[in-house]
Amino acid sequence: YQRRVRAILTDAICNLRFWLLDIGFVILFGSLFLKTWRIYILFSGAQRFRVLRISNLKLGLLLGGLLLLHVIILVVLSATSATEVSIIKVDPHRPRLNEKGCGSSEI
């Protein structure tokens, strides 16, 4: 199974890996940050005896804004730096052990 996965590694899949990693990170930690921020705002408002309402829709819109910002950054990075498949030579005498990896020529 592992050899089949390495055989189909293309430039598009390398680029997709970075996209999925970044989008998953933003969704996971962005939602955690926004929920913590909402609790902070609600409890700091309770000390001043004010009733605050922060809806789930507002949190969703804020998370969508964070996600949109990261998508714009990813589009710029994908357009300016080409991520490509590179061959990692493990042993020069045994080329069958070579592995494919993702990298950028600018890094």
C-alpha atoms as a PDB file:
ATOM      1  CA  TYR A   1       0.000   0.000   0.000  1.00  0.00           C
ATOM      2  CA  GLN A   2       2.766   2.425   0.882  1.00  0.00           C
ATOM      3  CA  ARG A   3       4.487   2.030  -2.494  1.00  0.00           C
ATOM      4  CA  ARG A   4       1.228   2.795  -4.310  1.00  0.00           C
ATOM      5  CA  VAL A   5       0.748   5.998  -2.335  1.00  0.00           C
ATOM      6  CA  ARG A   6       4.286   7.159  -3.092  1.00  0.00           C
ATOM      7  CA  ALA A   7       3.831   6.369  -6.782  1.00  0.00           C
ATOM      8  CA  ILE A   8       0.868   8.735  -7.163  1.00  0.00           C
ATOM      9  CA  LEU A   9       2.444  11.677  -5.338  1.00  0.00           C
ATOM     10  CA  THR A  10       2.129  14.641  -7.686  1.00  0.00           C
ATOM     11  CA  ASP A  11       2.667  18.374  -7.447  1.00  0.00           C
ATOM     12  CA  ALA A  12      -1.077  18.907  -6.973  1.00  0.00           C
ATOM     13  CA  ILE A  13      -1.190  16.475  -4.060  1.00  0.00           C
ATOM     14  CA  CYS A  14       1.812  18.190  -2.469  1.00  0.00           C
ATOM     15  CA  ASN A  15       0.017  21.517  -2.733  1.00  0.00           C
ATOM     16  CA  LEU A  16      -3.203  20.000  -1.420  1.00  0.00           C
ATOM     17  CA  ARG A  17      -1.407  18.700   1.680  1.00  0.00           C
ATOM     18  CA  PHE A  18      -0.397  22.240   2.683  1.00  0.00           C
ATOM     19  CA  TRP A  19      -3.899  23.539   2.017  1.00  0.00           C
ATOM     20  CA  LEU A  20      -5.595  20.854   4.105  1.00  0.00           C
ATOM     21  CA  LEU A  21      -3.125  21.288   6.946  1.00  0.00           C
ATOM     22  CA  ASP A  22      -3.655  25.049   7.121  1.00  0.00           C
ATOM     23  CA  ILE A  23      -7.444  24.947   6.722  1.00  0.00           C
ATOM     24  CA  GLY A  24      -7.751  22.207   9.341  1.00  0.00           C
ATOM     25  CA  PHE A  25      -5.559  24.201  11.723  1.00  0.00           C
ATOM     26  CA  VAL A  26      -7.658  27.341  11.276  1.00  0.00           C
ATOM     27  CA  ILE A  27     -10.942  25.509  11.800  1.00  0.00           C
ATOM     28  CA  LEU A  28      -9.706  23.642  14.871  1.00  0.00           C
ATOM     29  CA  PHE A  29      -7.849  26.361  16.733  1.00  0.00           C
ATOM     30  CA  GLY A  30      -9.956  29.232  15.396  1.00  0.00           C
ATOM     31  CA  SER A  31     -13.131  27.719  16.822  1.00  0.00           C
ATOM     32  CA  LEU A  32     -11.415  27.014  20.147  1.00  0.00           C
ATOM     33  CA  PHE A  33     -10.094  30.572  20.310  1.00  0.00           C
ATOM     34  CA  LEU A  34     -13.472  32.092  19.424  1.00  0.00           C
ATOM     35  CA  LYS A  35     -15.346  30.036  22.023  1.00  0.00           C
ATOM     36  CA  THR A  36     -12.807  31.038  24.673  1.00  0.00           C
ATOM     37  CA  TRP A  37     -13.128  34.655  23.592  1.00  0.00           C
ATOM     38  CA  ARG A  38     -16.928  34.449  23.882  1.00  0.00           C
ATOM     39  CA  ILE A  39     -16.711  33.065  27.435  1.00  0.00           C
ATOM     40  CA  TYR A  40     -14.243  35.807  28.362  1.00  0.00           C
ATOM     41  CA  ILE A  41     -16.541  38.519  26.991  1.00  0.00           C
ATOM     42  CA  LEU A  42     -19.614  37.066  28.714  1.00  0.00           C
ATOM     43  CA  PHE A  43     -17.944  36.789  32.105  1.00  0.00           C
ATOM     44  CA  SER A  44     -16.242  40.187  31.927  1.00  0.00           C
ATOM     45  CA  GLY A  45     -19.628  41.711  31.074  1.00  0.00           C
ATOM     46  CA  ALA A  46     -21.213  39.914  34.049  1.00  0.00           C
ATOM     47  CA  GLN A  47     -18.886  41.749  36.419  1.00  0.00           C
ATOM     48  CA  ARG A  48     -20.435  45.014  35.244  1.00  0.00           C
ATOM     49  CA  PHE A  49     -23.971  43.565  35.443  1.00  0.00           C
ATOM     50  CA  ARG A  50     -24.579  43.710  31.716  1.00  0.00           C
ATOM     51  CA  VAL A  51     -26.285  41.048  29.658  1.00  0.00           C
ATOM     52  CA  LEU A  52     -24.318  40.251  26.542  1.00  0.00           C
ATOM     53  CA  ARG A  53     -25.365  37.985  23.728  1.00  0.00           C
ATOM     54  CA  ILE A  54     -22.896  36.557  21.273  1.00  0.00           C
ATOM     55  CA  SER A  55     -24.670  34.179  18.945  1.00  0.00           C
ATOM     56  CA  ASN A  56     -23.284  31.113  17.257  1.00  0.00           C
ATOM     57  CA  LEU A  57     -23.907  32.880  13.948  1.00  0.00           C
ATOM     58  CA  LYS A  58     -21.539  35.681  14.946  1.00  0.00           C
ATOM     59  CA  LEU A  59     -18.882  33.130  15.930  1.00  0.00           C
ATOM     60  CA  GLY A  60     -19.397  31.340  12.625  1.00  0.00           C
ATOM     61  CA  LEU A  61     -18.976  34.567  10.698  1.00  0.00           C
ATOM     62  CA  LEU A  62     -15.777  35.384  12.587  1.00  0.00           C
ATOM     63  CA  LEU A  63     -14.447  31.885  11.891  1.00  0.00           C
ATOM     64  CA  GLY A  64     -15.414  32.298   8.234  1.00  0.00           C
ATOM     65  CA  GLY A  65     -13.465  35.566   8.153  1.00  0.00           C
ATOM     66  CA  LEU A  66     -10.392  33.850   9.585  1.00  0.00           C
ATOM     67  CA  LEU A  67     -10.791  31.056   7.063  1.00  0.00           C
ATOM     68  CA  LEU A  68     -11.166  33.522   4.187  1.00  0.00           C
ATOM     69  CA  LEU A  69      -7.996  35.320   5.289  1.00  0.00           C
ATOM     70  CA  HIS A  70      -6.046  32.062   5.281  1.00  0.00           C
ATOM     71  CA  VAL A  71      -7.457  31.022   1.905  1.00  0.00           C
ATOM     72  CA  ILE A  72      -6.267  34.342   0.440  1.00  0.00           C
ATOM     73  CA  ILE A  73      -2.809  33.759   1.948  1.00  0.00           C
ATOM     74  CA  LEU A  74      -2.762  30.213   0.569  1.00  0.00           C
ATOM     75  CA  VAL A  75      -3.749  31.398  -2.912  1.00  0.00           C
ATOM     76  CA  VAL A  76      -0.906  33.939  -2.893  1.00  0.00           C
ATOM     77  CA  LEU A  77       1.591  31.368  -1.613  1.00  0.00           C
ATOM     78  CA  SER A  78       0.442  28.760  -4.129  1.00  0.00           C
ATOM     79  CA  ALA A  79       0.753  31.241  -6.977  1.00  0.00           C
ATOM     80  CA  THR A  80       4.195  32.543  -6.009  1.00  0.00           C
ATOM     81  CA  SER A  81       6.040  29.467  -4.741  1.00  0.00           C
ATOM     82  CA  ALA A  82       5.679  26.227  -6.623  1.00  0.00           C
ATOM     83  CA  THR A  83       5.482  23.155  -4.414  1.00  0.00           C
ATOM     84  CA  GLU A  84       6.897  20.187  -6.247  1.00  0.00           C
ATOM     85  CA  VAL A  85       7.702  16.534  -5.760  1.00  0.00           C
ATOM     86  CA  SER A  86      11.341  15.921  -4.962  1.00  0.00           C
ATOM     87  CA  ILE A  87      13.182  12.631  -4.788  1.00  0.00           C
ATOM     88  CA  ILE A  88      14.988  11.955  -1.526  1.00  0.00           C
ATOM     89  CA  LYS A  89      17.956   9.668  -2.094  1.00  0.00           C
ATOM     90  CA  VAL A  90      18.307   7.378   0.911  1.00  0.00           C
ATOM     91  CA  ASP A  91      21.047   5.175  -0.513  1.00  0.00           C
ATOM     92  CA  PRO A  92      22.806   6.033  -3.806  1.00  0.00           C
ATOM     93  CA  HIS A  93      23.586   2.367  -4.467  1.00  0.00           C
ATOM     94  CA  ARG A  94      19.989   1.184  -4.035  1.00  0.00           C
ATOM     95  CA  PRO A  95      17.693   3.504  -6.009  1.00  0.00           C
ATOM     96  CA  ARG A  96      14.604   1.470  -5.148  1.00  0.00           C
ATOM     97  CA  LEU A  97      14.843   2.872  -1.608  1.00  0.00           C
ATOM     98  CA  ASN A  98      14.486   6.444  -2.858  1.00  0.00           C
ATOM     99  CA  GLU A  99      11.476   8.285  -1.490  1.00  0.00           C
ATOM    100  CA  LYS A 100       9.344  11.081  -2.863  1.00  0.00           C
ATOM    101  CA  GLY A 101       8.673  14.125  -0.748  1.00  0.00           C
ATOM    102  CA  CYS A 102       7.099  17.530  -1.073  1.00  0.00           C
ATOM    103  CA  GLY A 103       9.196  20.664  -1.118  1.00  0.00           C
ATOM    104  CA  SER A 104       9.689  24.036  -2.655  1.00  0.00           C
ATOM    105  CA  SER A 105      12.655  25.193  -4.693  1.00  0.00           C
ATOM    106  CA  GLU A 106      12.677  28.560  -2.885  1.00  0.00           C
ATOM    107  CA  ILE A 107      13.094  27.096   0.591  1.00  0.00           C
END
